[in-house]
Amino acid sequence: MPRQTLVLIRRLVLEGSYEFTEHAWAEAANDELDRIDIESAILTGDIVEVQKGDSRGPKYLIRGLATDLVRQVGVVLRVRVKKTCVIITVYEVAKA
């Protein structure tokens, strides 16, 4: 299931069918991450954790590389029923 979910998430990102929470934008700014860095992390990364137990549905933690291919970025997101992604938070994990 995580592989199919990752394929869906990547497709939604490529289509531009995603949005950021205000918290995600604030965290991205704190870590000097741009939208393209976050897209890159999703497109190059893997689902490393699925967080269940929320009535709104599971959250997925994806770790991948920013566009500089040096910074590892964590992205927590949820897929909505109407087939959009909501990016909940982002953060720099480490330099690769």
N, C-alpha and C. Protein backbone atom coordinates (compact mmCIF):
# COMPACT_ATOMS: atom_id res chain seq x y z
N MET A 1 0.81 -1.21 0.00
CA MET A 1 0.00 0.00 0.00
C MET A 1 0.85 1.27 0.00
N PRO A 2 1.93 1.36 0.82
CA PRO A 2 2.72 2.59 0.78
C PRO A 2 3.27 2.90 -0.61
N ARG A 3 3.63 1.90 -1.40
CA ARG A 3 4.16 2.16 -2.74
C ARG A 3 3.08 2.79 -3.62
N GLN A 4 1.87 2.24 -3.58
CA GLN A 4 0.77 2.81 -4.36
C GLN A 4 0.45 4.22 -3.88
N THR A 5 0.51 4.42 -2.58
CA THR A 5 0.24 5.74 -2.01
C THR A 5 1.31 6.73 -2.46
N LEU A 6 2.56 6.31 -2.47
CA LEU A 6 3.64 7.19 -2.91
C LEU A 6 3.47 7.58 -4.38
N VAL A 7 3.08 6.63 -5.21
CA VAL A 7 2.82 6.92 -6.63
C VAL A 7 1.71 7.95 -6.75
N LEU A 8 0.63 7.79 -5.98
CA LEU A 8 -0.48 8.74 -6.00
C LEU A 8 -0.01 10.13 -5.55
N ILE A 9 0.72 10.19 -4.46
CA ILE A 9 1.21 11.47 -3.94
C ILE A 9 2.09 12.17 -4.98
N ARG A 10 2.99 11.43 -5.58
CA ARG A 10 3.86 12.02 -6.60
C ARG A 10 3.05 12.55 -7.78
N ARG A 11 2.04 11.81 -8.20
CA ARG A 11 1.20 12.26 -9.31
C ARG A 11 0.49 13.56 -8.94
N LEU A 12 -0.05 13.61 -7.73
CA LEU A 12 -0.75 14.82 -7.28
C LEU A 12 0.19 16.03 -7.24
N VAL A 13 1.42 15.80 -6.80
CA VAL A 13 2.40 16.89 -6.76
C VAL A 13 2.73 17.35 -8.18
N LEU A 14 2.96 16.41 -9.08
CA LEU A 14 3.27 16.77 -10.46
C LEU A 14 2.12 17.53 -11.13
N GLU A 15 0.90 17.21 -10.74
CA GLU A 15 -0.28 17.89 -11.28
C GLU A 15 -0.55 19.23 -10.59
N GLY A 16 0.17 19.49 -9.51
CA GLY A 16 -0.08 20.72 -8.75
C GLY A 16 -1.29 20.63 -7.84
N SER A 17 -1.73 19.42 -7.56
CA SER A 17 -2.93 19.20 -6.73
C SER A 17 -2.54 19.05 -5.26
N TYR A 18 -1.94 20.08 -4.72
CA TYR A 18 -1.55 20.06 -3.32
C TYR A 18 -1.58 21.48 -2.77
N GLU A 19 -1.61 21.56 -1.45
CA GLU A 19 -1.60 22.86 -0.79
C GLU A 19 -0.80 22.75 0.50
N PHE A 20 -0.37 23.89 0.98
CA PHE A 20 0.41 23.97 2.22
C PHE A 20 -0.44 24.54 3.33
N THR A 21 -0.26 24.04 4.54
CA THR A 21 -0.82 24.71 5.70
C THR A 21 0.06 25.92 6.02
N GLU A 22 -0.47 26.85 6.78
CA GLU A 22 0.34 28.00 7.20
C GLU A 22 1.55 27.52 8.00
N HIS A 23 1.34 26.49 8.80
CA HIS A 23 2.43 25.94 9.60
C HIS A 23 3.55 25.42 8.69
N ALA A 24 3.18 24.72 7.62
CA ALA A 24 4.19 24.18 6.70
C ALA A 24 5.01 25.31 6.06
N TRP A 25 4.33 26.39 5.66
CA TRP A 25 5.05 27.54 5.08
C TRP A 25 6.02 28.14 6.09
N ALA A 26 5.57 28.27 7.33
CA ALA A 26 6.43 28.85 8.37
C ALA A 26 7.65 27.98 8.62
N GLU A 27 7.45 26.68 8.69
CA GLU A 27 8.57 25.76 8.91
C GLU A 27 9.52 25.74 7.72
N ALA A 28 8.97 25.80 6.52
CA ALA A 28 9.81 25.85 5.31
C ALA A 28 10.69 27.10 5.35
N ALA A 29 10.10 28.23 5.71
CA ALA A 29 10.87 29.48 5.79
C ALA A 29 11.96 29.38 6.85
N ASN A 30 11.64 28.77 7.99
CA ASN A 30 12.64 28.61 9.06
C ASN A 30 13.85 27.82 8.60
N ASP A 31 13.62 26.83 7.74
CA ASP A 31 14.71 25.97 7.25
C ASP A 31 15.20 26.38 5.87
N GLU A 32 14.75 27.55 5.40
CA GLU A 32 15.16 28.07 4.09
C GLU A 32 14.89 27.07 2.97
N LEU A 33 13.69 26.50 3.00
CA LEU A 33 13.25 25.57 1.96
C LEU A 33 12.22 26.25 1.08
N ASP A 34 12.38 26.12 -0.22
CA ASP A 34 11.42 26.66 -1.18
C ASP A 34 10.44 25.58 -1.59
N ARG A 35 9.39 25.99 -2.25
CA ARG A 35 8.39 25.06 -2.77
C ARG A 35 9.06 23.96 -3.61
N ILE A 36 10.00 24.34 -4.46
CA ILE A 36 10.65 23.36 -5.33
C ILE A 36 11.47 22.34 -4.53
N ASP A 37 12.04 22.77 -3.39
CA ASP A 37 12.77 21.83 -2.53
C ASP A 37 11.82 20.79 -1.95
N ILE A 38 10.64 21.23 -1.57
CA ILE A 38 9.65 20.33 -0.99
C ILE A 38 9.11 19.37 -2.05
N GLU A 39 8.84 19.89 -3.24
CA GLU A 39 8.44 19.02 -4.34
C GLU A 39 9.52 17.99 -4.63
N SER A 40 10.77 18.43 -4.66
CA SER A 40 11.89 17.52 -4.91
C SER A 40 11.96 16.42 -3.86
N ALA A 41 11.77 16.78 -2.60
CA ALA A 41 11.81 15.79 -1.52
C ALA A 41 10.73 14.73 -1.72
N ILE A 42 9.55 15.16 -2.13
CA ILE A 42 8.46 14.21 -2.35
C ILE A 42 8.76 13.33 -3.56
N LEU A 43 9.28 13.93 -4.62
CA LEU A 43 9.51 13.19 -5.86
C LEU A 43 10.72 12.26 -5.79
N THR A 44 11.68 12.55 -4.90
CA THR A 44 12.87 11.70 -4.78
C THR A 44 12.82 10.80 -3.55
N GLY A 45 11.87 11.04 -2.67
CA GLY A 45 11.86 10.36 -1.38
C GLY A 45 11.01 9.11 -1.31
N ASP A 46 10.95 8.59 -0.11
CA ASP A 46 10.15 7.41 0.20
C ASP A 46 9.31 7.68 1.44
N ILE A 47 8.22 6.97 1.55
CA ILE A 47 7.41 7.02 2.77
C ILE A 47 8.16 6.24 3.84
N VAL A 48 8.51 6.90 4.92
CA VAL A 48 9.25 6.24 5.99
C VAL A 48 8.39 5.96 7.22
N GLU A 49 7.21 6.58 7.25
CA GLU A 49 6.30 6.36 8.38
C GLU A 49 4.88 6.69 7.96
N VAL A 50 3.94 5.88 8.45
CA VAL A 50 2.52 6.16 8.27
C VAL A 50 1.94 6.35 9.66
N GLN A 51 1.35 7.50 9.90
CA GLN A 51 0.77 7.83 11.20
C GLN A 51 -0.74 7.68 11.10
N LYS A 52 -1.27 6.68 11.79
CA LYS A 52 -2.71 6.39 11.75
C LYS A 52 -3.37 6.83 13.05
N GLY A 53 -4.68 6.73 13.09
CA GLY A 53 -5.40 7.02 14.32
C GLY A 53 -6.07 8.39 14.34
N ASP A 54 -5.98 9.12 13.25
CA ASP A 54 -6.63 10.43 13.15
C ASP A 54 -7.89 10.25 12.31
N SER A 55 -8.99 10.82 12.76
CA SER A 55 -10.25 10.66 12.04
C SER A 55 -10.21 11.26 10.64
N ARG A 56 -9.27 12.16 10.39
CA ARG A 56 -9.15 12.77 9.06
C ARG A 56 -8.36 11.90 8.09
N GLY A 57 -7.83 10.79 8.59
CA GLY A 57 -7.08 9.88 7.73
C GLY A 57 -5.61 9.85 8.09
N PRO A 58 -4.88 8.90 7.50
CA PRO A 58 -3.46 8.76 7.83
C PRO A 58 -2.62 9.94 7.34
N LYS A 59 -1.51 10.15 8.05
CA LYS A 59 -0.51 11.13 7.63
C LYS A 59 0.71 10.32 7.20
N TYR A 60 1.40 10.83 6.19
CA TYR A 60 2.57 10.16 5.65
C TYR A 60 3.80 11.03 5.84
N LEU A 61 4.87 10.43 6.35
CA LEU A 61 6.15 11.11 6.45
C LEU A 61 7.01 10.64 5.29
N ILE A 62 7.39 11.57 4.45
CA ILE A 62 8.25 11.28 3.30
C ILE A 62 9.59 11.96 3.55
N ARG A 63 10.68 11.24 3.30
CA ARG A 63 12.01 11.83 3.37
C ARG A 63 12.67 11.71 2.01
N GLY A 64 13.17 12.84 1.54
CA GLY A 64 13.84 12.89 0.24
C GLY A 64 14.81 14.05 0.21
N LEU A 65 15.37 14.32 -0.96
CA LEU A 65 16.39 15.34 -1.10
C LEU A 65 15.84 16.64 -1.66
N ALA A 66 16.35 17.75 -1.14
CA ALA A 66 16.05 19.07 -1.71
C ALA A 66 16.73 19.17 -3.07
N THR A 67 16.48 20.25 -3.77
CA THR A 67 17.04 20.40 -5.12
C THR A 67 18.56 20.46 -5.14
N ASP A 68 19.18 20.83 -4.02
CA ASP A 68 20.64 20.88 -3.99
C ASP A 68 21.26 19.49 -3.85
N LEU A 69 20.43 18.47 -3.66
CA LEU A 69 20.84 17.07 -3.49
C LEU A 69 21.77 16.87 -2.29
N VAL A 70 21.75 17.82 -1.37
CA VAL A 70 22.56 17.74 -0.16
C VAL A 70 21.68 17.67 1.08
N ARG A 71 20.66 18.51 1.12
CA ARG A 71 19.79 18.56 2.29
C ARG A 71 18.70 17.49 2.20
N GLN A 72 18.57 16.72 3.28
CA GLN A 72 17.49 15.75 3.37
C GLN A 72 16.31 16.46 4.03
N VAL A 73 15.13 16.31 3.43
CA VAL A 73 13.94 17.03 3.86
C VAL A 73 12.86 16.04 4.28
N GLY A 74 12.21 16.33 5.39
CA GLY A 74 11.05 15.56 5.82
C GLY A 74 9.78 16.33 5.49
N VAL A 75 8.80 15.63 4.96
CA VAL A 75 7.52 16.24 4.60
C VAL A 75 6.41 15.38 5.20
N VAL A 76 5.56 15.98 6.01
CA VAL A 76 4.40 15.28 6.55
C VAL A 76 3.18 15.79 5.80
N LEU A 77 2.42 14.86 5.24
CA LEU A 77 1.25 15.25 4.46
C LEU A 77 0.13 14.25 4.61
N ARG A 78 -1.02 14.67 4.14
CA ARG A 78 -2.21 13.84 4.15
C ARG A 78 -2.82 13.92 2.76
N VAL A 79 -3.39 12.80 2.30
CA VAL A 79 -4.11 12.78 1.02
C VAL A 79 -5.59 12.90 1.33
N ARG A 80 -6.22 13.90 0.74
CA ARG A 80 -7.66 14.10 0.94
C ARG A 80 -8.44 13.20 0.00
N VAL A 81 -9.68 12.94 0.39
CA VAL A 81 -10.57 12.10 -0.41
C VAL A 81 -10.74 12.66 -1.82
N LYS A 82 -10.78 13.99 -1.93
CA LYS A 82 -10.98 14.59 -3.25
C LYS A 82 -9.69 14.62 -4.07
N LYS A 83 -8.73 13.85 -3.64
CA LYS A 83 -7.48 13.65 -4.37
C LYS A 83 -6.62 14.91 -4.47
N THR A 84 -6.37 15.50 -3.34
CA THR A 84 -5.37 16.54 -3.21
C THR A 84 -4.52 16.20 -2.00
N CYS A 85 -3.33 16.74 -1.96
CA CYS A 85 -2.45 16.56 -0.80
C CYS A 85 -2.45 17.84 0.02
N VAL A 86 -2.40 17.67 1.31
CA VAL A 86 -2.22 18.79 2.22
C VAL A 86 -0.87 18.58 2.90
N ILE A 87 0.04 19.50 2.66
CA ILE A 87 1.36 19.42 3.28
C ILE A 87 1.24 20.09 4.64
N ILE A 88 1.42 19.29 5.68
CA ILE A 88 1.17 19.72 7.05
C ILE A 88 2.39 20.40 7.66
N THR A 89 3.56 19.80 7.46
CA THR A 89 4.79 20.39 7.95
C THR A 89 5.96 19.89 7.12
N VAL A 90 7.04 20.65 7.15
CA VAL A 90 8.27 20.27 6.46
C VAL A 90 9.44 20.66 7.35
N TYR A 91 10.56 19.98 7.18
CA TYR A 91 11.74 20.30 7.98
C TYR A 91 12.97 19.70 7.33
N GLU A 92 14.11 20.32 7.60
CA GLU A 92 15.37 19.77 7.15
C GLU A 92 15.80 18.70 8.14
N VAL A 93 16.03 17.50 7.64
CA VAL A 93 16.45 16.39 8.50
C VAL A 93 17.95 16.47 8.73
N ALA A 94 18.71 16.51 7.65
CA ALA A 94 20.18 16.52 7.74
C ALA A 94 20.75 16.79 6.36
N LYS A 95 22.03 17.03 6.34
CA LYS A 95 22.73 17.14 5.06
C LYS A 95 23.18 15.74 4.68
N ALA A 96 22.94 15.36 3.42
CA ALA A 96 23.26 14.00 2.95
C ALA A 96 24.76 13.80 2.87
